[in-house]
Structures are given as C-alpha cells and as structure tokens.
Amino acid sequence: MIELTKEYVEANPYIPENIKKTLYGEYPLGWQMNDAERSTLINLVSSLKPSCAIEVGTAFGGSLYAISQYSEKVYSLDFDSSQFDTNDKKFSNVEFITGDSNNTLPLLLERLQAEGISPEFILIDADHSYDGVKRDIENLLKIQPLKPLYVLMHDGFMPDCRKGIKDADWASNPFVHFVEVDFVPGTLTSRPDIYGFMIGGFALALLLPEKREGDLEIRTDYKLTFQTLYANSEHRPDGIHSNEFWEGKAWLEEQWKNWMLIAEDRGKQLEENATLINNLERDASFYQKRVQESQRQLQEQGAWAREMENTLTALKSSPLYRLQTGLGHFLKSSLKRLKR
C-alpha cells in the first residue's frame, strides 16, 4: 500500500494545471479530493460565506484551507492537529480541536449553541467506517439550526461510509429538509495501490430553522451507477470479477512497478545531490571560518600597526627625542670637522 503523503495526494494527472487553477485556484496543502469535489466545495462555501463553519476530519489541511478562505470562523476537529502551525496566517481564523470527534463534536455544538452561534456549513470527512460516519451525523443532528445549515459528507461511494450516511437517523431531526447521498457521485478507482475500490463522492444535507412538513426522503440519484460499479469492484462479496478486471489490474500493477522504479532512481539521485550539497556546505563553512580567522588576524595586525605608529609619533614629539636628534646631528658634524 502506498503511503498517502501530502506530495502524493496533491499530484493529479487528469486535468491540465491551467484548468485546475481556473476551476479552484492554487492551494498549497495536500487535498484528498478530486477536481469535481474541490470545485463543488469551493463553489458552495464561496457562495455561502459562512460566519461559522466546522470541518470534522482535517488530514493534510487542503479542504480546511479552502473553507477558511471563505469563512469568518472555522473549527477544525481531528485526532492530530500537531502538524499545523496555529500562528500560520493561512489559519488565522481557525480553531484547532484535537480528539475523537465522537467527544469533541457534541461539546463544540453545545458550546456554540450556548453562545447563540449557529454553524452554516459542516464538512464530515473523518472516520469512514459505518459506525464512525453514522455517529458523526447523529451527533450533529442534535442541534436546532438558527440559520440554514449545509452539511457535506465526503466519500459517499465508499460502501461502508455510504451505508452509514443512509442509515443515520435523519428523520429524528425535524429541521432536516433535504438529503442527497449522491450529490456528487464517486468513482471506481484504477489507481494501482487501491485498484477496484470505490471512493469519493459528496452527500449533501440541508437543515433549515423551520420544521419540515411531511416525510423525509433520503435520495440516491446515482444508485444505479453505484450498483454497477459495486458489481465490478473489490468490495464485491463473492470476489468474482471479469477477465477485463484482472487484466486491467495486472497491467496497472506493472505500470505502477515501473513508475516506482523510476521514483526510486530519482530518489537516489536526490539523495546523492543532497549529499553533495551537504559536502559543499561543509567545505564552504570550513573556508568561511578560515576567512573569518584571517580577517581577525588582519584586524589585530592593523590595530598593532596603528598602535606602533601612534607610539612612534608620540616619541617624535617628545623633548627627549628632539634632544637626542639634535645631539646626534651635533656629533656627526663634529666628526666631520675632526676628519678634516
């Protein structure tokens, strides 16, 4: 399994870079969402401009950075927020809350309610297990919104996550007016390290200050797409797949191995370059110290020369020096006269 580093998830070969910038601009942090999801998220928060937003599950901070650009105040809930600098200007309007969202989310919602603050946007993208996502949803369903509240839930095409979203007790909250599990459909990935897995997608829910009338429908507009992909995925219980599935997987695994070999060679080159740079920096530091020592010695010699010059000047101006000089001239003149 390939480690999902910030640098890895940021790489996306499917859309040219100039089109990406047009769709959703430049974001400096790793962002584990595809281009359609990024565009949807930014379009929603830029339209809402929420005074209060909550992100449950922050990871590398890509979506958090996007949300913070359009929100007055953001609360980030995650198991580990140590990677973020709270003094970073990018997150000057973000409060980081560390811990299990099953504990931190209810406490935060109670605190906001006591302060008369109603969140207008919540992104749930933390525990993707059935129990985890269902628990996060049902924790937020305990609130009564004072303003329209939009709730996005990521990875609605992951089977366990999807079932957790669908089975959450949405109807228990009379202020829920709309739930669409397939607001943005997900995909069956061909990425070699997770080949055949279903990922991505956004579910969307809308809560309003007014109570709904009638029954609540949990919409799944891309149910057929989900079922078709599921039948050809690694999630299929019987493990039976078409020849095309296995041939495609084998081809991608071979391409992945080749790519990893290239990456390994490049890594070695980078290590060699880093070693060379370290050696050059060490040599530069050594010669810099030699130069500094030479400069210090020159300064000491210059100070000594100035001191000697001052001493000589003082001697020349003294009465004794003038007497000795005059006596010397007198003796020389006397010796010349005696020789004659």
Protein backbone atom coordinates (compact mmCIF):
# COMPACT_ATOMS: atom_id res chain seq x y z
CA MET A 1 0.00 0.00 0.00
CA ILE A 2 1.40 3.37 -1.00
CA GLU A 3 1.62 5.94 1.80
CA LEU A 4 -0.70 8.85 1.10
CA THR A 5 1.76 11.64 1.69
CA LYS A 6 0.89 15.27 1.14
CA GLU A 7 3.04 15.34 -2.00
CA TYR A 8 1.38 12.20 -3.37
CA VAL A 9 -2.25 13.21 -2.93
CA GLU A 10 -1.52 16.64 -4.40
CA ALA A 11 -0.39 15.03 -7.68
CA ASN A 12 -3.31 14.80 -10.11
CA PRO A 13 -2.57 13.99 -13.75
CA TYR A 14 -6.11 14.13 -15.08
CA ILE A 15 -6.70 17.84 -15.64
CA PRO A 16 -4.13 20.30 -17.03
CA GLU A 17 -2.70 22.63 -14.41
CA ASN A 18 -4.06 25.78 -16.05
CA ILE A 19 -7.63 24.39 -15.99
CA LYS A 20 -7.23 23.42 -12.33
CA LYS A 21 -6.28 26.99 -11.46
CA THR A 22 -9.35 28.23 -13.33
CA LEU A 23 -11.62 25.76 -11.50
CA TYR A 24 -10.40 26.16 -7.95
CA GLY A 25 -7.21 28.23 -7.83
CA GLU A 26 -3.99 27.27 -6.10
CA TYR A 27 -3.98 25.51 -2.74
CA PRO A 28 -0.63 24.83 -1.05
CA LEU A 29 -1.63 21.82 1.06
CA GLY A 30 -2.42 18.19 0.28
CA TRP A 31 -6.08 17.80 -0.62
CA GLN A 32 -7.59 14.32 -0.82
CA MET A 33 -10.44 15.20 -3.16
CA ASN A 34 -10.80 15.00 -6.92
CA ASP A 35 -11.31 18.01 -9.15
CA ALA A 36 -15.12 17.81 -9.21
CA GLU A 37 -15.24 17.60 -5.41
CA ARG A 38 -12.84 20.53 -4.98
CA SER A 39 -14.85 22.68 -7.36
CA THR A 40 -18.11 21.75 -5.61
CA LEU A 41 -16.75 22.53 -2.16
CA ILE A 42 -15.29 25.87 -3.17
CA ASN A 43 -18.41 26.87 -5.09
CA LEU A 44 -20.59 26.08 -2.07
CA VAL A 45 -18.53 27.82 0.63
CA SER A 46 -17.75 30.81 -1.60
CA SER A 47 -21.50 31.25 -2.16
CA LEU A 48 -22.43 30.75 1.50
CA LYS A 49 -19.54 32.71 3.04
CA PRO A 50 -20.44 31.18 6.42
CA SER A 51 -19.84 33.12 9.61
CA CYS A 52 -19.24 29.74 11.30
CA ALA A 53 -18.02 26.54 9.63
CA ILE A 54 -16.91 23.17 11.02
CA GLU A 55 -14.67 20.55 9.46
CA VAL A 56 -14.73 17.08 11.03
CA GLY A 57 -11.54 15.37 9.79
CA THR A 58 -8.75 17.62 8.55
CA ALA A 59 -5.88 15.31 7.43
CA PHE A 60 -3.36 17.43 5.47
CA GLY A 61 -5.47 20.60 5.55
CA GLY A 62 -6.34 21.03 1.86
CA SER A 63 -10.09 21.36 2.30
CA LEU A 64 -9.59 23.27 5.57
CA TYR A 65 -7.54 25.89 3.76
CA ALA A 66 -10.27 26.22 1.11
CA ILE A 67 -13.03 26.55 3.72
CA SER A 68 -11.07 29.09 5.76
CA GLN A 69 -10.71 31.37 2.72
CA TYR A 70 -14.46 31.98 2.61
CA SER A 71 -15.50 31.64 6.26
CA GLU A 72 -15.37 34.09 9.13
CA LYS A 73 -14.60 31.40 11.72
CA VAL A 74 -13.72 27.72 11.25
CA TYR A 75 -13.44 24.89 13.79
CA SER A 76 -11.17 22.02 12.75
CA LEU A 77 -11.74 18.68 14.53
CA ASP A 78 -9.16 15.92 14.15
CA PHE A 79 -7.27 13.29 16.14
CA ASP A 80 -3.98 15.09 15.46
CA SER A 81 -3.56 18.80 14.70
CA SER A 82 0.12 18.99 15.65
CA GLN A 83 1.22 19.33 12.01
CA PHE A 84 -0.46 22.75 11.77
CA ASP A 85 1.11 25.97 12.96
CA THR A 86 -1.59 27.86 14.82
CA ASN A 87 0.31 31.07 14.09
CA ASP A 88 0.17 30.43 10.34
CA LYS A 89 -1.64 33.31 8.63
CA LYS A 90 -3.45 30.78 6.41
CA PHE A 91 -5.31 29.58 9.50
CA SER A 92 -5.68 32.80 11.44
CA ASN A 93 -9.47 32.25 11.62
CA VAL A 94 -9.24 28.54 12.52
CA GLU A 95 -9.56 26.98 15.97
CA PHE A 96 -8.00 23.50 16.10
CA ILE A 97 -9.71 21.00 18.39
CA THR A 98 -7.86 17.71 18.93
CA GLY A 99 -9.53 14.44 19.91
CA ASP A 100 -12.15 11.88 18.93
CA SER A 101 -14.98 13.63 17.07
CA ASN A 102 -17.46 11.49 18.99
CA ASN A 103 -16.44 13.57 22.01
CA THR A 104 -15.30 16.88 20.51
CA LEU A 105 -18.18 17.47 18.08
CA PRO A 106 -21.04 17.29 20.65
CA LEU A 107 -19.07 19.51 23.05
CA LEU A 108 -18.40 22.07 20.32
CA LEU A 109 -22.04 22.14 19.20
CA GLU A 110 -23.21 22.61 22.81
CA ARG A 111 -20.72 25.44 23.27
CA LEU A 112 -21.82 27.19 20.07
CA GLN A 113 -25.49 26.81 20.97
CA ALA A 114 -24.86 28.31 24.41
CA GLU A 115 -23.15 31.27 22.69
CA GLY A 116 -26.05 31.68 20.26
CA ILE A 117 -23.89 30.70 17.27
CA SER A 118 -25.35 28.52 14.54
CA PRO A 119 -22.96 26.88 12.04
CA GLU A 120 -23.86 27.37 8.40
CA PHE A 121 -21.54 24.79 6.88
CA ILE A 122 -20.19 21.44 8.13
CA LEU A 123 -17.89 19.04 6.27
CA ILE A 124 -17.78 15.47 7.60
CA ASP A 125 -14.67 13.68 6.35
CA ALA A 126 -13.26 11.79 9.33
CA ASP A 127 -13.97 8.18 10.32
CA HIS A 128 -15.23 6.47 7.14
CA SER A 129 -16.43 3.32 8.85
CA TYR A 130 -20.16 2.63 9.06
CA ASP A 131 -20.30 3.36 12.79
CA GLY A 132 -17.94 6.34 12.58
CA VAL A 133 -19.76 8.36 9.93
CA LYS A 134 -23.20 7.44 11.31
CA ARG A 135 -22.12 8.62 14.77
CA ASP A 136 -20.77 11.95 13.48
CA ILE A 137 -24.01 12.60 11.59
CA GLU A 138 -26.25 11.74 14.51
CA ASN A 139 -24.19 13.94 16.82
CA LEU A 140 -24.79 16.97 14.61
CA LEU A 141 -28.48 16.08 14.24
CA LYS A 142 -28.97 17.00 17.90
CA ILE A 143 -28.83 20.72 17.08
CA GLN A 144 -31.60 23.07 16.08
CA PRO A 145 -30.26 25.42 13.39
CA LEU A 146 -30.86 29.15 13.68
CA LYS A 147 -29.73 29.59 10.06
CA PRO A 148 -29.71 27.33 7.00
CA LEU A 149 -27.06 24.66 7.55
CA TYR A 150 -25.40 22.81 4.66
CA VAL A 151 -23.70 19.51 5.52
CA LEU A 152 -21.30 17.88 3.06
CA MET A 153 -20.18 14.30 3.67
CA HIS A 154 -17.18 13.02 1.73
CA ASP A 155 -16.71 9.55 0.19
CA GLY A 156 -20.36 8.69 -0.24
CA PHE A 157 -19.34 5.98 -2.74
CA MET A 158 -17.32 4.03 -0.15
CA PRO A 159 -19.78 1.20 0.63
CA ASP A 160 -19.46 1.28 4.45
CA CYS A 161 -19.43 5.07 4.54
CA ARG A 162 -22.44 5.22 2.19
CA LYS A 163 -24.42 2.82 4.34
CA GLY A 164 -23.58 4.87 7.45
CA ILE A 165 -24.83 8.03 5.73
CA LYS A 166 -28.05 6.35 4.58
CA ASP A 167 -28.78 4.65 7.92
CA ALA A 168 -28.20 7.74 10.07
CA ASP A 169 -31.39 8.79 11.83
CA TRP A 170 -32.00 11.87 9.69
CA ALA A 171 -35.75 11.84 10.32
CA SER A 172 -35.19 12.29 14.08
CA ASN A 173 -34.34 15.92 13.44
CA PRO A 174 -37.45 17.79 12.20
CA PHE A 175 -35.29 20.54 10.73
CA VAL A 176 -33.72 18.30 8.09
CA HIS A 177 -35.33 19.16 4.76
CA PHE A 178 -33.10 17.52 2.17
CA VAL A 179 -30.63 14.60 1.99
CA GLU A 180 -28.96 13.51 -1.26
CA VAL A 181 -26.37 10.75 -0.85
CA ASP A 182 -25.18 11.17 -4.45
CA PHE A 183 -24.97 14.96 -4.70
CA VAL A 184 -21.57 14.39 -6.36
CA PRO A 185 -21.11 10.75 -7.43
CA GLY A 186 -17.91 8.90 -6.61
CA THR A 187 -15.88 6.56 -8.75
CA LEU A 188 -14.31 3.12 -9.11
CA THR A 189 -10.63 3.89 -8.92
CA SER A 190 -7.98 2.48 -11.22
CA ARG A 191 -5.13 3.73 -9.05
CA PRO A 192 -2.84 0.70 -8.71
CA ASP A 193 -2.48 0.75 -4.94
CA ILE A 194 -6.28 0.78 -4.43
CA TYR A 195 -7.37 -0.69 -7.75
CA GLY A 196 -11.04 -1.60 -7.89
CA PHE A 197 -12.01 0.26 -4.74
CA MET A 198 -14.93 2.69 -4.66
CA ILE A 199 -14.04 6.12 -3.35
CA GLY A 200 -15.08 9.75 -3.46
CA GLY A 201 -18.37 11.50 -3.88
CA PHE A 202 -20.28 14.03 -1.80
CA ALA A 203 -23.51 13.55 0.08
CA LEU A 204 -25.38 16.75 0.92
CA ALA A 205 -27.94 17.55 3.60
CA LEU A 206 -29.78 20.80 4.27
CA LEU A 207 -31.19 21.83 7.66
CA LEU A 208 -33.42 24.90 7.99
CA PRO A 209 -34.71 26.84 11.02
CA GLU A 210 -38.27 25.88 10.06
CA LYS A 211 -39.62 22.40 10.67
CA ARG A 212 -40.27 20.27 7.59
CA GLU A 213 -43.69 19.12 6.57
CA GLY A 214 -44.23 15.52 5.62
CA ASP A 215 -41.82 12.61 5.42
CA LEU A 216 -38.11 12.95 4.69
CA GLU A 217 -36.76 11.24 1.57
CA ILE A 218 -33.17 10.01 1.53
CA ARG A 219 -32.29 10.49 -2.14
CA THR A 220 -29.78 8.31 -4.02
CA ASP A 221 -29.93 9.66 -7.56
CA TYR A 222 -26.89 7.67 -8.71
CA LYS A 223 -27.95 4.40 -7.13
CA LEU A 224 -27.74 2.52 -10.45
CA THR A 225 -24.24 3.85 -11.07
CA PHE A 226 -23.21 2.79 -7.58
CA GLN A 227 -24.66 -0.71 -8.01
CA THR A 228 -22.99 -1.16 -11.40
CA LEU A 229 -19.60 -0.10 -10.07
CA TYR A 230 -20.04 -2.16 -6.92
CA ALA A 231 -20.61 -5.30 -9.00
CA ASN A 232 -17.18 -4.76 -10.60
CA SER A 233 -15.31 -3.66 -7.50
CA GLU A 234 -13.06 -5.15 -4.85
CA HIS A 235 -15.99 -4.73 -2.44
CA ARG A 236 -17.98 -7.46 -4.18
CA PRO A 237 -18.54 -10.16 -1.52
CA ASP A 238 -18.05 -13.21 -3.78
CA GLY A 239 -14.78 -11.86 -5.20
CA ILE A 240 -15.81 -12.83 -8.77
CA HIS A 241 -14.65 -10.36 -11.42
CA SER A 242 -14.44 -10.31 -15.19
CA ASN A 243 -11.24 -11.10 -17.10
CA GLU A 244 -11.06 -7.44 -18.08
CA PHE A 245 -10.97 -6.51 -14.40
CA TRP A 246 -7.97 -8.72 -13.67
CA GLU A 247 -6.19 -7.87 -16.91
CA GLY A 248 -6.60 -4.18 -16.20
CA LYS A 249 -5.35 -4.64 -12.67
CA ALA A 250 -2.30 -6.64 -13.81
CA TRP A 251 -1.42 -4.03 -16.44
CA LEU A 252 -1.73 -1.18 -13.94
CA GLU A 253 0.33 -3.04 -11.34
CA GLU A 254 3.10 -3.49 -13.92
CA GLN A 255 2.94 0.20 -14.82
CA TRP A 256 2.99 1.04 -11.12
CA LYS A 257 6.12 -1.08 -10.57
CA ASN A 258 7.85 0.73 -13.43
CA TRP A 259 6.83 4.07 -12.01
CA MET A 260 8.10 3.09 -8.57
CA LEU A 261 11.46 2.06 -10.06
CA ILE A 262 11.73 5.45 -11.74
CA ALA A 263 10.74 7.15 -8.50
CA GLU A 264 13.34 5.09 -6.63
CA ASP A 265 16.06 6.11 -9.10
CA ARG A 266 15.05 9.73 -8.77
CA GLY A 267 15.07 9.34 -5.01
CA LYS A 268 18.64 8.03 -5.14
CA GLN A 269 19.66 10.94 -7.35
CA LEU A 270 18.09 13.35 -4.88
CA GLU A 271 19.96 11.67 -2.02
CA GLU A 272 23.24 11.91 -3.94
CA ASN A 273 22.57 15.56 -4.71
CA ALA A 274 21.70 16.18 -1.08
CA THR A 275 24.99 14.55 0.00
CA LEU A 276 26.91 16.66 -2.50
CA ILE A 277 25.19 19.80 -1.27
CA ASN A 278 25.94 18.88 2.35
CA ASN A 279 29.62 18.37 1.48
CA LEU A 280 29.76 21.68 -0.35
CA GLU A 281 28.07 23.42 2.55
CA ARG A 282 30.54 21.80 4.97
CA ASP A 283 33.52 22.90 2.84
CA ALA A 284 32.06 26.37 2.46
CA SER A 285 31.62 26.58 6.21
CA PHE A 286 35.26 25.49 6.77
CA TYR A 287 36.66 28.08 4.34
CA GLN A 288 34.35 30.73 5.69
CA LYS A 289 35.82 30.12 9.14
CA ARG A 290 39.35 30.34 7.65
CA VAL A 291 38.48 33.65 6.01
CA GLN A 292 36.96 34.95 9.22
CA GLU A 293 40.12 33.90 11.14
CA SER A 294 42.34 35.63 8.56
CA GLN A 295 40.21 38.75 8.76
CA ARG A 296 40.52 38.67 12.54
CA GLN A 297 44.30 38.36 12.34
CA LEU A 298 44.50 41.22 9.85
CA GLN A 299 42.38 43.35 12.15
CA GLU A 300 44.71 42.53 15.07
CA GLN A 301 47.81 43.31 12.98
CA GLY A 302 46.24 46.53 11.77
CA ALA A 303 45.45 47.53 15.33
CA TRP A 304 49.04 46.68 16.36
CA ALA A 305 50.46 48.73 13.45
CA ARG A 306 48.29 51.72 14.36
CA GLU A 307 49.41 51.38 17.98
CA MET A 308 53.10 51.36 16.91
CA GLU A 309 52.53 54.34 14.65
CA ASN A 310 50.90 56.28 17.48
CA THR A 311 53.78 55.35 19.79
CA LEU A 312 56.36 56.49 17.23
CA THR A 313 54.51 59.74 16.67
CA ALA A 314 54.41 60.32 20.42
CA LEU A 315 58.15 59.63 20.70
CA LYS A 316 58.98 62.01 17.87
CA SER A 317 57.08 64.80 19.54
CA SER A 318 58.73 64.28 22.95
CA PRO A 319 61.55 66.70 24.23
CA LEU A 320 63.92 63.78 24.80
CA TYR A 321 63.59 62.62 21.17
CA ARG A 322 64.26 66.16 19.93
CA LEU A 323 67.32 66.41 22.25
CA GLN A 324 68.64 63.06 21.08
CA THR A 325 68.10 64.03 17.46
CA GLY A 326 69.86 67.38 17.95
CA LEU A 327 72.77 65.73 19.78
CA GLY A 328 73.11 63.22 17.00
CA HIS A 329 73.34 65.93 14.36
CA PHE A 330 75.96 67.78 16.53
CA LEU A 331 78.16 64.65 16.90
CA LYS A 332 78.03 63.91 13.17
CA SER A 333 79.09 67.50 12.38
CA SER A 334 81.91 67.36 14.95
CA LEU A 335 83.26 64.10 13.49
CA LYS A 336 83.32 65.58 10.02
CA ARG A 337 85.30 68.61 11.22
CA LEU A 338 87.86 66.41 13.06
CA LYS A 339 88.46 64.33 9.91
CA ARG A 340 89.45 67.46 8.08
